[in-house]
Protein backbone atom coordinates (compact mmCIF):
# COMPACT_ATOMS: atom_id res chain seq x y z
CA MET A 1 81.52 114.15 138.83
CA LYS A 2 82.95 112.47 141.87
CA ASN A 3 86.37 113.72 142.82
CA SER A 4 87.55 110.10 142.82
CA PHE A 5 87.09 110.06 139.04
CA ASN A 6 89.94 112.53 138.63
CA PHE A 7 93.17 110.63 138.00
CA THR A 8 96.18 111.51 140.08
CA GLU A 9 99.33 112.34 138.16
CA ASP A 10 100.83 108.95 139.05
CA GLN A 11 97.67 107.10 137.95
CA ARG A 12 97.55 108.95 134.64
CA ASP A 13 101.26 108.37 133.94
CA TYR A 14 100.97 104.65 134.70
CA LEU A 15 97.81 104.27 132.61
CA GLN A 16 99.53 106.02 129.72
CA GLU A 17 102.44 103.58 129.93
CA ILE A 18 100.00 100.65 129.93
CA CYS A 19 98.24 102.09 126.87
CA ASN A 20 101.60 102.64 125.15
CA ILE A 21 102.27 98.91 125.37
CA GLY A 22 98.85 98.00 123.94
CA MET A 23 99.20 100.65 121.25
CA GLY A 24 102.64 99.35 120.31
CA GLN A 25 101.31 95.82 119.85
CA ALA A 26 98.46 97.11 117.68
CA GLY A 27 100.85 99.25 115.63
CA LYS A 28 103.15 96.27 115.08
CA SER A 29 100.21 94.13 113.92
CA LEU A 30 99.16 96.84 111.45
CA SER A 31 102.72 97.21 110.16
CA VAL A 32 102.80 93.48 109.42
CA LEU A 33 99.44 93.64 107.64
CA PHE A 34 100.29 96.75 105.61
CA GLU A 35 104.02 96.07 105.18
CA GLN A 36 104.38 99.78 105.94
CA TYR A 37 105.61 101.85 108.86
CA VAL A 38 102.69 102.95 111.05
CA THR A 39 102.98 106.22 112.97
CA LEU A 40 101.45 106.14 116.46
CA SER A 41 100.28 109.02 118.63
CA VAL A 42 100.71 109.49 122.36
CA PRO A 43 97.54 108.07 123.97
CA SER A 44 95.07 110.78 124.91
CA ILE A 45 93.31 110.06 128.22
CA GLU A 46 90.38 112.00 129.69
CA ILE A 47 87.11 111.64 131.57
CA PHE A 48 84.02 113.34 130.19
CA ALA A 49 80.34 113.65 131.07
CA ALA A 50 77.61 111.95 129.06
CA LYS A 51 75.95 115.30 128.41
CA SER A 52 79.09 116.51 126.60
CA LEU A 53 79.43 113.37 124.44
CA ILE A 54 78.91 115.00 121.04
CA THR A 55 81.15 117.97 121.83
CA THR A 56 83.86 115.61 123.06
CA LEU A 57 83.65 113.34 120.00
CA LYS A 58 83.87 116.30 117.60
CA ARG A 59 86.95 117.56 119.43
CA LEU A 60 88.63 114.15 119.54
CA ILE A 61 87.81 113.26 115.92
CA PRO A 62 87.89 116.46 113.81
CA ALA A 63 86.95 114.85 110.48
CA GLU A 64 84.18 115.67 108.01
CA LYS A 65 83.23 112.06 107.33
CA ILE A 66 84.03 108.91 109.27
CA SER A 67 83.46 105.20 109.13
CA ALA A 68 83.29 103.37 112.44
CA VAL A 69 83.39 99.83 113.82
CA ARG A 70 82.48 98.93 117.40
CA GLN A 71 83.33 96.01 119.67
CA GLY A 72 82.27 95.54 123.25
CA PHE A 73 84.86 94.25 125.71
CA TYR A 74 84.57 92.92 129.24
CA THR A 75 86.48 90.90 131.83
CA HIS A 76 83.54 88.67 132.84
CA VAL A 77 80.13 87.99 131.37
CA VAL A 78 78.39 88.54 134.74
CA ASP A 79 79.27 91.65 136.78
CA PRO A 80 82.55 92.43 134.97
CA ASN A 81 85.28 94.39 136.75
CA ILE A 82 85.96 96.30 133.54
CA CYS A 83 83.76 96.69 130.49
CA GLY A 84 83.40 99.16 127.71
CA GLU A 85 83.21 99.91 124.01
CA SER A 86 86.11 99.87 121.60
CA ILE A 87 85.37 102.07 118.58
CA THR A 88 87.73 102.17 115.61
CA ILE A 89 87.14 105.37 113.65
CA PHE A 90 88.43 105.78 110.09
CA SER A 91 88.63 109.39 108.90
CA ASN A 92 88.06 110.41 105.27
CA THR A 93 89.13 106.98 104.06
CA ASP A 94 90.33 106.41 100.50
CA PHE A 95 89.22 102.79 100.03
CA GLU A 96 91.20 102.28 96.82
CA GLN A 97 94.40 103.16 98.70
CA LEU A 98 93.30 101.02 101.63
CA ALA A 99 92.87 98.06 99.28
CA GLN A 100 96.42 98.63 98.02
CA LEU A 101 97.69 98.69 101.59
CA ILE A 102 96.37 95.21 102.29
CA ASP A 103 97.28 93.98 98.80
CA LEU A 104 93.66 93.35 97.76
CA ASP A 105 93.01 92.87 94.05
CA ASP A 106 89.21 92.52 94.24
CA GLU A 107 86.84 95.21 93.05
CA VAL A 108 86.34 97.61 95.95
CA THR A 109 82.57 97.32 96.34
CA TYR A 110 80.64 98.60 99.36
CA GLU A 111 80.70 95.10 100.85
CA VAL A 112 84.48 94.83 100.34
CA GLN A 113 84.92 98.21 102.02
CA GLU A 114 83.05 96.95 105.07
CA GLU A 115 85.09 93.74 105.15
CA MET A 116 88.33 95.74 105.13
CA LEU A 117 87.17 97.99 107.96
CA LEU A 118 85.99 95.06 110.07
CA GLU A 119 89.24 93.13 109.55
CA ILE A 120 91.50 96.07 110.36
CA SER A 121 89.42 97.03 113.39
CA ASN A 122 89.53 93.49 114.75
CA ILE A 123 93.32 93.41 114.43
CA ILE A 124 93.80 96.78 116.13
CA ASN A 125 91.31 96.10 118.90
CA GLY A 126 92.54 92.59 119.67
CA ALA A 127 96.20 93.54 119.84
CA CYS A 128 95.66 96.70 121.86
CA LEU A 129 93.30 95.20 124.43
CA SER A 130 95.52 92.14 124.80
CA GLY A 131 98.49 94.38 125.60
CA ILE A 132 96.53 96.41 128.14
CA ALA A 133 95.02 93.31 129.78
CA GLN A 134 98.44 91.73 130.31
CA GLN A 135 99.68 94.79 132.17
CA ILE A 136 96.77 94.83 134.63
CA SER A 137 96.57 91.03 135.06
CA GLU A 138 93.13 90.76 133.49
CA ARG A 139 91.70 88.99 130.47
CA PHE A 140 89.42 90.80 128.05
CA PHE A 141 86.72 89.13 126.00
CA SER A 142 85.34 90.94 122.96
CA THR A 143 82.13 90.85 120.97
CA PRO A 144 82.45 90.43 117.18
CA PRO A 145 83.16 93.70 115.33
CA SER A 146 80.12 95.41 113.82
CA MET A 147 79.71 98.44 111.59
CA MET A 148 78.33 101.59 113.17
CA GLY A 149 78.25 103.47 109.89
CA GLN A 150 80.21 104.29 106.78
CA SER A 151 80.88 107.85 105.57
CA ILE A 152 78.79 109.39 108.33
CA ILE A 153 79.19 112.55 110.41
CA ILE A 154 80.64 112.21 113.91
CA GLU A 155 77.43 113.52 115.52
CA SER A 156 75.55 110.40 114.44
CA LEU A 157 78.06 108.00 115.97
CA LEU A 158 76.47 107.74 119.43
CA ASN A 159 73.22 108.98 120.93
CA LYS A 160 73.80 110.60 124.32
CA ASP A 161 70.12 110.06 125.22
CA HIS A 162 70.64 106.28 125.12
CA LEU A 163 73.70 106.17 127.38
CA ILE A 164 73.44 104.36 130.73
CA TRP A 165 76.47 106.04 132.35
CA ASP A 166 77.05 109.54 133.70
CA HIS A 167 80.77 109.80 133.02
CA ALA A 168 83.19 107.79 130.94
CA LEU A 169 86.90 107.32 130.54
CA SER A 170 88.08 107.96 126.99
CA ILE A 171 91.41 106.62 125.70
CA LYS A 172 92.23 107.74 122.16
CA ILE A 173 95.05 106.15 120.15
CA GLN A 174 95.89 107.28 116.61
CA PHE A 175 97.34 105.20 113.76
CA ILE A 176 98.62 106.85 110.55
CA VAL A 177 100.27 105.69 107.32
CA ASP A 178 101.10 108.95 105.52
CA LYS A 179 102.14 107.33 102.25
CA HIS A 180 98.66 105.87 101.74
CA SER A 181 96.60 108.58 103.49
CA PHE A 182 95.50 106.03 106.10
CA HIS A 183 94.22 107.54 109.34
CA CYS A 184 92.27 105.83 112.08
CA ASP A 185 91.68 106.31 115.78
CA LEU A 186 90.97 103.67 118.39
CA LEU A 187 88.62 105.08 121.01
CA LEU A 188 88.21 103.05 124.21
CA LEU A 189 85.22 104.11 126.32
CA MET A 190 84.71 102.81 129.87
CA PRO A 191 81.82 103.74 132.22
CA ASP A 192 81.98 105.03 135.80
CA SER A 193 82.19 101.67 137.56
CA SER A 194 85.05 100.48 135.35
CA VAL A 195 86.95 103.72 135.98
CA GLU A 196 86.76 103.20 139.75
CA TYR A 197 87.98 99.61 139.46
CA LEU A 198 90.79 100.64 137.10
CA GLN A 199 91.92 103.30 139.56
CA ASN A 200 92.18 100.67 142.30
CA VAL A 201 94.25 98.46 139.97
CA LEU A 202 96.54 101.38 139.12
CA ASN A 203 97.03 102.20 142.82
CA ARG A 204 98.03 98.59 143.51
CA LEU A 205 100.49 98.54 140.61
CA ILE A 206 102.00 101.87 141.66
CA ASP A 207 102.44 100.62 145.25
CA GLU A 208 104.29 97.57 143.92
CA LEU A 209 106.91 99.69 142.14
């Protein structure tokens, strides 16, 4: 790994503050949807190597079974300054309780389960990325949400042999509603080139303080 990929203390602190704002917007959007208080974690930020992908995912998401939704995001269609994958990971989800949370009276079929996951993921991802983009004076575009799998093991989430980057920035944000056993994590993954650009943006913002 290039030494430049290691965040300075100032860069990490500023990035965490930026993520806090995005996370807060996403948490507020969920609270409105659920009409429940949503507990948020402190954003977890780290850089990991592609070869350690599975080990890293198992450490970040220690759940037996997960359901996951992915959305790509980017600043420009051609040669984007920042791009990456936003993955919303639901751990050991009780879909009957989830249906109660969003006040859904329909029978909770497999298709309805997917619709709930896609809707919630889209809300979280849109609000969080919008908050982050505003802080760094960028605009993010997103692909439509798509299912990666339902009730699968974390090892099957991504295939490290198909990755086109050597190292990636991981930003993990956790959302919990204890009363309804709701637990999901937003995992933002950005490749090497986006990390370098983001570091330059952070340096500029820090110099402006």
